[in-house]
PDB file of all heavy atoms in Angstrom:
ATOM      1  N   PRO A   1     -32.200  34.487 -45.355  1.00  0.00           N
ATOM      2  CA  PRO A   1     -32.769  33.272 -44.771  1.00  0.00           C
ATOM      3  C   PRO A   1     -32.948  32.202 -45.842  1.00  0.00           C
ATOM      4  O   PRO A   1     -33.382  32.477 -46.957  1.00  0.00           O
ATOM      5  CB  PRO A   1     -34.127  33.744 -44.224  1.00  0.00           C
ATOM      6  CG  PRO A   1     -33.943  35.213 -44.007  1.00  0.00           C
ATOM      7  CD  PRO A   1     -33.013  35.675 -45.090  1.00  0.00           C
ATOM      8  N   ALA A   2     -32.607  30.973 -45.498  1.00  0.00           N
ATOM      9  CA  ALA A   2     -32.646  29.886 -46.476  1.00  0.00           C
ATOM     10  C   ALA A   2     -33.872  29.001 -46.260  1.00  0.00           C
ATOM     11  O   ALA A   2     -34.429  28.936 -45.166  1.00  0.00           O
ATOM     12  CB  ALA A   2     -31.390  29.042 -46.345  1.00  0.00           C
ATOM     13  N   PRO A   3     -34.330  28.331 -47.295  1.00  0.00           N
ATOM     14  CA  PRO A   3     -35.440  27.396 -47.133  1.00  0.00           C
ATOM     15  C   PRO A   3     -35.014  26.228 -46.259  1.00  0.00           C
ATOM     16  O   PRO A   3     -33.831  25.992 -46.028  1.00  0.00           O
ATOM     17  CB  PRO A   3     -35.722  26.929 -48.582  1.00  0.00           C
ATOM     18  CG  PRO A   3     -34.451  27.181 -49.316  1.00  0.00           C
ATOM     19  CD  PRO A   3     -33.851  28.401 -48.678  1.00  0.00           C
ATOM     20  N   ALA A   4     -35.994  25.459 -45.791  1.00  0.00           N
ATOM     21  CA  ALA A   4     -35.711  24.381 -44.844  1.00  0.00           C
ATOM     22  C   ALA A   4     -34.726  23.360 -45.399  1.00  0.00           C
ATOM     23  O   ALA A   4     -33.955  22.775 -44.660  1.00  0.00           O
ATOM     24  CB  ALA A   4     -37.017  23.692 -44.440  1.00  0.00           C
ATOM     25  N   ALA A   5     -34.767  23.128 -46.712  1.00  0.00           N
ATOM     26  CA  ALA A   5     -33.923  22.091 -47.306  1.00  0.00           C
ATOM     27  C   ALA A   5     -32.608  22.662 -47.829  1.00  0.00           C
ATOM     28  O   ALA A   5     -32.000  22.083 -48.718  1.00  0.00           O
ATOM     29  CB  ALA A   5     -34.678  21.392 -48.425  1.00  0.00           C
ATOM     30  N   GLU A   6     -32.172  23.777 -47.288  1.00  0.00           N
ATOM     31  CA  GLU A   6     -30.945  24.413 -47.747  1.00  0.00           C
ATOM     32  C   GLU A   6     -29.754  23.475 -47.631  1.00  0.00           C
ATOM     33  O   GLU A   6     -29.587  22.781 -46.629  1.00  0.00           O
ATOM     34  CB  GLU A   6     -30.671  25.666 -46.912  1.00  0.00           C
ATOM     35  CG  GLU A   6     -29.349  26.333 -47.239  1.00  0.00           C
ATOM     36  CD  GLU A   6     -28.937  27.356 -46.198  1.00  0.00           C
ATOM     37  OE1 GLU A   6     -29.633  27.472 -45.176  1.00  0.00           O
ATOM     38  OE2 GLU A   6     -27.925  28.023 -46.416  1.00  0.00           O
ATOM     39  N   VAL A   7     -28.940  23.456 -48.663  1.00  0.00           N
ATOM     40  CA  VAL A   7     -27.690  22.700 -48.630  1.00  0.00           C
ATOM     41  C   VAL A   7     -26.540  23.684 -48.778  1.00  0.00           C
ATOM     42  O   VAL A   7     -26.469  24.433 -49.747  1.00  0.00           O
ATOM     43  CB  VAL A   7     -27.628  21.643 -49.751  1.00  0.00           C
ATOM     44  CG1 VAL A   7     -26.264  20.943 -49.732  1.00  0.00           C
ATOM     45  CG2 VAL A   7     -28.742  20.617 -49.590  1.00  0.00           C
ATOM     46  N   TYR A   8     -25.653  23.684 -47.805  1.00  0.00           N
ATOM     47  CA  TYR A   8     -24.471  24.549 -47.806  1.00  0.00           C
ATOM     48  C   TYR A   8     -23.349  23.821 -48.523  1.00  0.00           C
ATOM     49  O   TYR A   8     -23.082  22.646 -48.269  1.00  0.00           O
ATOM     50  CB  TYR A   8     -24.081  24.845 -46.361  1.00  0.00           C
ATOM     51  CG  TYR A   8     -22.718  25.487 -46.160  1.00  0.00           C
ATOM     52  CD1 TYR A   8     -22.579  26.868 -46.165  1.00  0.00           C
ATOM     53  CD2 TYR A   8     -21.586  24.699 -45.934  1.00  0.00           C
ATOM     54  CE1 TYR A   8     -21.341  27.452 -45.954  1.00  0.00           C
ATOM     55  CE2 TYR A   8     -20.347  25.278 -45.723  1.00  0.00           C
ATOM     56  CZ  TYR A   8     -20.230  26.668 -45.738  1.00  0.00           C
ATOM     57  OH  TYR A   8     -19.004  27.239 -45.532  1.00  0.00           O
ATOM     58  N   ARG A   9     -22.680  24.511 -49.447  1.00  0.00           N
ATOM     59  CA  ARG A   9     -21.561  23.922 -50.166  1.00  0.00           C
ATOM     60  C   ARG A   9     -20.352  24.843 -50.077  1.00  0.00           C
ATOM     61  O   ARG A   9     -20.471  26.049 -50.295  1.00  0.00           O
ATOM     62  CB  ARG A   9     -21.923  23.654 -51.631  1.00  0.00           C
ATOM     63  CG  ARG A   9     -23.090  22.692 -51.787  1.00  0.00           C
ATOM     64  CD  ARG A   9     -23.333  22.289 -53.233  1.00  0.00           C
ATOM     65  NE  ARG A   9     -24.552  21.500 -53.349  1.00  0.00           N
ATOM     66  CZ  ARG A   9     -24.641  20.213 -53.058  1.00  0.00           C
ATOM     67  NH1 ARG A   9     -23.572  19.551 -52.650  1.00  0.00           N
ATOM     68  NH2 ARG A   9     -25.785  19.562 -53.189  1.00  0.00           N
ATOM     69  N   ASN A  10     -19.232  24.267 -49.766  1.00  0.00           N
ATOM     70  CA  ASN A  10     -17.987  25.017 -49.624  1.00  0.00           C
ATOM     71  C   ASN A  10     -16.857  24.070 -50.003  1.00  0.00           C
ATOM     72  O   ASN A  10     -16.501  23.188 -49.229  1.00  0.00           O
ATOM     73  CB  ASN A  10     -17.835  25.521 -48.185  1.00  0.00           C
ATOM     74  CG  ASN A  10     -16.617  26.396 -48.003  1.00  0.00           C
ATOM     75  OD1 ASN A  10     -15.944  26.772 -48.965  1.00  0.00           O
ATOM     76  ND2 ASN A  10     -16.312  26.726 -46.755  1.00  0.00           N
ATOM     77  N   GLY A  11     -16.280  24.259 -51.199  1.00  0.00           N
ATOM     78  CA  GLY A  11     -15.281  23.316 -51.670  1.00  0.00           C
ATOM     79  C   GLY A  11     -15.893  21.930 -51.743  1.00  0.00           C
ATOM     80  O   GLY A  11     -16.975  21.743 -52.309  1.00  0.00           O
ATOM     81  N   GLY A  12     -15.250  20.939 -51.158  1.00  0.00           N
ATOM     82  CA  GLY A  12     -15.785  19.578 -51.150  1.00  0.00           C
ATOM     83  C   GLY A  12     -16.713  19.294 -49.990  1.00  0.00           C
ATOM     84  O   GLY A  12     -17.221  18.174 -49.860  1.00  0.00           O
ATOM     85  N   LEU A  13     -16.958  20.297 -49.141  1.00  0.00           N
ATOM     86  CA  LEU A  13     -17.805  20.122 -47.960  1.00  0.00           C
ATOM     87  C   LEU A  13     -19.251  20.495 -48.276  1.00  0.00           C
ATOM     88  O   LEU A  13     -19.517  21.514 -48.912  1.00  0.00           O
ATOM     89  CB  LEU A  13     -17.279  21.002 -46.822  1.00  0.00           C
ATOM     90  CG  LEU A  13     -17.987  20.912 -45.470  1.00  0.00           C
ATOM     91  CD1 LEU A  13     -17.763  19.549 -44.843  1.00  0.00           C
ATOM     92  CD2 LEU A  13     -17.479  22.020 -44.543  1.00  0.00           C
ATOM     93  N   ALA A  14     -20.186  19.663 -47.827  1.00  0.00           N
ATOM     94  CA  ALA A  14     -21.609  19.954 -48.009  1.00  0.00           C
ATOM     95  C   ALA A  14     -22.350  19.646 -46.710  1.00  0.00           C
ATOM     96  O   ALA A  14     -22.070  18.650 -46.046  1.00  0.00           O
ATOM     97  CB  ALA A  14     -22.194  19.137 -49.151  1.00  0.00           C
ATOM     98  N   ILE A  15     -23.296  20.529 -46.362  1.00  0.00           N
ATOM     99  CA  ILE A  15     -24.111  20.337 -45.157  1.00  0.00           C
ATOM    100  C   ILE A  15     -25.570  20.482 -45.552  1.00  0.00           C
ATOM    101  O   ILE A  15     -25.980  21.540 -46.051  1.00  0.00           O
ATOM    102  CB  ILE A  15     -23.782  21.380 -44.067  1.00  0.00           C
ATOM    103  CG1 ILE A  15     -22.282  21.406 -43.758  1.00  0.00           C
ATOM    104  CG2 ILE A  15     -24.585  21.095 -42.805  1.00  0.00           C
ATOM    105  CD1 ILE A  15     -21.871  22.579 -42.875  1.00  0.00           C
ATOM    106  N   ASP A  16     -26.353  19.460 -45.353  1.00  0.00           N
ATOM    107  CA  ASP A  16     -27.795  19.527 -45.557  1.00  0.00           C
ATOM    108  C   ASP A  16     -28.409  19.918 -44.216  1.00  0.00           C
ATOM    109  O   ASP A  16     -28.511  19.095 -43.306  1.00  0.00           O
ATOM    110  CB  ASP A  16     -28.332  18.174 -46.029  1.00  0.00           C
ATOM    111  CG  ASP A  16     -29.802  18.244 -46.431  1.00  0.00           C
ATOM    112  OD1 ASP A  16     -30.554  18.989 -45.765  1.00  0.00           O
ATOM    113  OD2 ASP A  16     -30.178  17.575 -47.394  1.00  0.00           O
ATOM    114  N   PHE A  17     -28.795  21.182 -44.098  1.00  0.00           N
ATOM    115  CA  PHE A  17     -29.297  21.682 -42.817  1.00  0.00           C
ATOM    116  C   PHE A  17     -30.652  21.073 -42.455  1.00  0.00           C
ATOM    117  O   PHE A  17     -31.046  21.095 -41.292  1.00  0.00           O
ATOM    118  CB  PHE A  17     -29.402  23.212 -42.844  1.00  0.00           C
ATOM    119  CG  PHE A  17     -28.073  23.908 -42.843  1.00  0.00           C
ATOM    120  CD1 PHE A  17     -27.716  24.764 -43.880  1.00  0.00           C
ATOM    121  CD2 PHE A  17     -27.167  23.725 -41.812  1.00  0.00           C
ATOM    122  CE1 PHE A  17     -26.491  25.409 -43.879  1.00  0.00           C
ATOM    123  CE2 PHE A  17     -25.945  24.358 -41.803  1.00  0.00           C
ATOM    124  CZ  PHE A  17     -25.599  25.213 -42.839  1.00  0.00           C
ATOM    125  N   ASP A  18     -31.362  20.545 -43.445  1.00  0.00           N
ATOM    126  CA  ASP A  18     -32.670  19.951 -43.167  1.00  0.00           C
ATOM    127  C   ASP A  18     -32.513  18.574 -42.538  1.00  0.00           C
ATOM    128  O   ASP A  18     -33.174  18.241 -41.547  1.00  0.00           O
ATOM    129  CB  ASP A  18     -33.465  19.851 -44.471  1.00  0.00           C
ATOM    130  CG  ASP A  18     -34.902  19.425 -44.234  1.00  0.00           C
ATOM    131  OD1 ASP A  18     -35.475  19.838 -43.205  1.00  0.00           O
ATOM    132  OD2 ASP A  18     -35.451  18.693 -45.061  1.00  0.00           O
ATOM    133  N   SER A  19     -31.604  17.763 -43.091  1.00  0.00           N
ATOM    134  CA  SER A  19     -31.426  16.393 -42.598  1.00  0.00           C
ATOM    135  C   SER A  19     -30.252  16.237 -41.640  1.00  0.00           C
ATOM    136  O   SER A  19     -30.046  15.166 -41.079  1.00  0.00           O
ATOM    137  CB  SER A  19     -31.216  15.444 -43.784  1.00  0.00           C
ATOM    138  OG  SER A  19     -30.009  15.759 -44.473  1.00  0.00           O
ATOM    139  N   HIS A  20     -29.457  17.329 -41.478  1.00  0.00           N
ATOM    140  CA  HIS A  20     -28.259  17.302 -40.623  1.00  0.00           C
ATOM    141  C   HIS A  20     -27.209  16.310 -41.148  1.00  0.00           C
ATOM    142  O   HIS A  20     -26.433  15.769 -40.356  1.00  0.00           O
ATOM    143  CB  HIS A  20     -28.614  16.963 -39.170  1.00  0.00           C
ATOM    144  CG  HIS A  20     -29.356  18.046 -38.465  1.00  0.00           C
ATOM    145  ND1 HIS A  20     -29.445  18.131 -37.095  1.00  0.00           N
ATOM    146  CD2 HIS A  20     -30.058  19.105 -38.929  1.00  0.00           C
ATOM    147  CE1 HIS A  20     -30.167  19.190 -36.755  1.00  0.00           C
ATOM    148  NE2 HIS A  20     -30.553  19.789 -37.865  1.00  0.00           N
ATOM    149  N   VAL A  21     -27.185  16.119 -42.445  1.00  0.00           N
ATOM    150  CA  VAL A  21     -26.204  15.224 -43.049  1.00  0.00           C
ATOM    151  C   VAL A  21     -25.036  16.044 -43.593  1.00  0.00           C
ATOM    152  O   VAL A  21     -25.232  17.027 -44.309  1.00  0.00           O
ATOM    153  CB  VAL A  21     -26.832  14.393 -44.194  1.00  0.00           C
ATOM    154  CG1 VAL A  21     -25.750  13.616 -44.954  1.00  0.00           C
ATOM    155  CG2 VAL A  21     -27.864  13.427 -43.626  1.00  0.00           C
ATOM    156  N   VAL A  22     -23.817  15.632 -43.242  1.00  0.00           N
ATOM    157  CA  VAL A  22     -22.596  16.310 -43.690  1.00  0.00           C
ATOM    158  C   VAL A  22     -21.816  15.362 -44.581  1.00  0.00           C
ATOM    159  O   VAL A  22     -21.647  14.180 -44.237  1.00  0.00           O
ATOM    160  CB  VAL A  22     -21.728  16.736 -42.484  1.00  0.00           C
ATOM    161  CG1 VAL A  22     -20.421  17.386 -42.958  1.00  0.00           C
ATOM    162  CG2 VAL A  22     -22.505  17.692 -41.587  1.00  0.00           C
ATOM    163  N   THR A  23     -21.356  15.850 -45.714  1.00  0.00           N
ATOM    164  CA  THR A  23     -20.527  15.039 -46.595  1.00  0.00           C
ATOM    165  C   THR A  23     -19.271  15.810 -46.979  1.00  0.00           C
ATOM    166  O   THR A  23     -19.269  17.035 -47.021  1.00  0.00           O
ATOM    167  CB  THR A  23     -21.271  14.634 -47.883  1.00  0.00           C
ATOM    168  OG1 THR A  23     -21.663  15.817 -48.593  1.00  0.00           O
ATOM    169  CG2 THR A  23     -22.482  13.786 -47.571  1.00  0.00           C
ATOM    170  N   ARG A  24     -18.210  15.054 -47.236  1.00  0.00           N
ATOM    171  CA  ARG A  24     -16.966  15.630 -47.753  1.00  0.00           C
ATOM    172  C   ARG A  24     -16.557  14.830 -48.971  1.00  0.00           C
ATOM    173  O   ARG A  24     -16.378  13.626 -48.879  1.00  0.00           O
ATOM    174  CB  ARG A  24     -15.858  15.601 -46.705  1.00  0.00           C
ATOM    175  CG  ARG A  24     -14.683  16.529 -47.058  1.00  0.00           C
ATOM    176  CD  ARG A  24     -13.477  16.288 -46.179  1.00  0.00           C
ATOM    177  NE  ARG A  24     -12.735  15.124 -46.655  1.00  0.00           N
ATOM    178  CZ  ARG A  24     -11.741  14.547 -45.984  1.00  0.00           C
ATOM    179  NH1 ARG A  24     -11.398  14.984 -44.793  1.00  0.00           N
ATOM    180  NH2 ARG A  24     -11.114  13.496 -46.478  1.00  0.00           N
ATOM    181  N   ASP A  25     -16.476  15.532 -50.095  1.00  0.00           N
ATOM    182  CA  ASP A  25     -16.172  14.883 -51.378  1.00  0.00           C
ATOM    183  C   ASP A  25     -17.129  13.729 -51.649  1.00  0.00           C
ATOM    184  O   ASP A  25     -16.746  12.673 -52.161  1.00  0.00           O
ATOM    185  CB  ASP A  25     -14.722  14.384 -51.397  1.00  0.00           C
ATOM    186  CG  ASP A  25     -13.718  15.524 -51.242  1.00  0.00           C
ATOM    187  OD1 ASP A  25     -14.018  16.638 -51.718  1.00  0.00           O
ATOM    188  OD2 ASP A  25     -12.652  15.299 -50.651  1.00  0.00           O
ATOM    189  N   GLY A  26     -18.397  13.933 -51.268  1.00  0.00           N
ATOM    190  CA  GLY A  26     -19.436  12.951 -51.553  1.00  0.00           C
ATOM    191  C   GLY A  26     -19.600  11.867 -50.523  1.00  0.00           C
ATOM    192  O   GLY A  26     -20.602  11.134 -50.545  1.00  0.00           O
ATOM    193  N   ALA A  27     -18.674  11.719 -49.601  1.00  0.00           N
ATOM    194  CA  ALA A  27     -18.754  10.678 -48.571  1.00  0.00           C
ATOM    195  C   ALA A  27     -19.319  11.267 -47.280  1.00  0.00           C
ATOM    196  O   ALA A  27     -18.902  12.352 -46.855  1.00  0.00           O
ATOM    197  CB  ALA A  27     -17.374  10.080 -48.316  1.00  0.00           C
ATOM    198  N   GLU A  28     -20.257  10.559 -46.658  1.00  0.00           N
ATOM    199  CA  GLU A  28     -20.872  11.077 -45.435  1.00  0.00           C
ATOM    200  C   GLU A  28     -19.872  11.124 -44.294  1.00  0.00           C
ATOM    201  O   GLU A  28     -19.071  10.204 -44.108  1.00  0.00           O
ATOM    202  CB  GLU A  28     -22.065  10.220 -45.030  1.00  0.00           C
ATOM    203  CG  GLU A  28     -22.826  10.790 -43.840  1.00  0.00           C
ATOM    204  CD  GLU A  28     -24.138  10.082 -43.558  1.00  0.00           C
ATOM    205  OE1 GLU A  28     -24.544   9.241 -44.398  1.00  0.00           O
ATOM    206  OE2 GLU A  28     -24.746  10.360 -42.509  1.00  0.00           O
TER     207      GLU A  28
END
């Protein structure tokens, strides 16, 4: 189980599960 502010990273993809913000290579 991850903390509320968990950020998932996979290659250039990132998902902030707390804010529901998704970025690819730094761009939202």
